[in-house]
């Protein structure tokens, strides 16, 4: 029972679909960095475009 409780705690802590928060997408991470002022608009737009180009190539 103790091992089961520890395993459940770890799953909930890491957000693997059992009530935890899902990981943000790369675009969401970029948007957060832009909103905090860590990157400028030009960098944000360039990086989003790069991600979209990379992801569209993965669908093939």
Protein backbone atom coordinates (compact mmCIF):
# COMPACT_ATOMS: atom_id res chain seq x y z
CA UNK A 1 0.00 0.00 0.00
CA UNK A 2 2.81 2.40 0.80
CA UNK A 3 4.48 1.82 -2.56
CA UNK A 4 1.14 2.41 -4.32
CA UNK A 5 0.71 5.67 -2.43
CA UNK A 6 4.19 6.83 -3.38
CA UNK A 7 3.58 5.93 -7.04
CA UNK A 8 0.26 7.80 -7.05
CA UNK A 9 1.90 10.84 -5.44
CA UNK A 10 4.61 10.90 -8.13
CA UNK A 11 2.08 10.62 -10.96
CA UNK A 12 0.00 13.46 -9.53
CA UNK A 13 3.09 15.57 -8.89
CA UNK A 14 4.35 15.25 -12.48
CA UNK A 15 0.98 15.94 -14.11
CA UNK A 16 0.61 12.80 -16.18
CA UNK A 17 -3.11 13.23 -16.78
CA UNK A 18 -4.36 12.46 -13.27
CA UNK A 19 -5.28 15.95 -12.13
CA UNK A 20 -1.89 17.56 -12.72
CA UNK A 21 -1.28 20.41 -15.13
CA UNK A 22 -0.19 19.36 -18.60
CA UNK A 23 3.10 20.64 -19.95
CA UNK A 24 2.78 23.80 -22.03
CA UNK A 25 3.47 23.52 -25.74
CA UNK A 26 6.63 25.09 -27.17
CA UNK A 27 4.54 27.93 -28.60
CA UNK A 28 2.97 28.54 -25.20
CA UNK A 29 6.43 28.67 -23.63
CA UNK A 30 7.53 31.24 -26.20
CA UNK A 31 4.39 33.29 -25.56
CA UNK A 32 5.09 33.24 -21.83
CA UNK A 33 8.70 34.35 -22.37
CA UNK A 34 7.51 37.17 -24.65
CA UNK A 35 4.89 38.25 -22.10
CA UNK A 36 7.52 38.37 -19.35
CA UNK A 37 9.79 40.48 -21.54
CA UNK A 38 12.52 37.84 -21.76
CA UNK A 39 12.49 37.95 -25.58
CA UNK A 40 11.54 40.70 -28.01
CA UNK A 41 8.79 40.53 -30.62
CA UNK A 42 11.17 39.81 -33.49
CA UNK A 43 12.68 36.84 -31.64
CA UNK A 44 9.22 35.59 -30.66
CA UNK A 45 7.89 35.73 -34.23
CA UNK A 46 11.03 34.11 -35.66
CA UNK A 47 10.96 31.27 -33.16
CA UNK A 48 7.23 30.62 -33.59
CA UNK A 49 7.71 30.46 -37.36
CA UNK A 50 10.63 28.06 -36.92
CA UNK A 51 8.51 25.81 -34.69
CA UNK A 52 5.62 25.82 -37.16
CA UNK A 53 7.91 24.99 -40.08
CA UNK A 54 9.51 22.18 -38.09
CA UNK A 55 6.14 20.77 -37.01
CA UNK A 56 4.67 20.89 -40.51
CA UNK A 57 7.64 18.87 -41.78
CA UNK A 58 7.02 16.23 -39.11
CA UNK A 59 3.54 15.52 -40.51
CA UNK A 60 4.92 14.16 -43.74
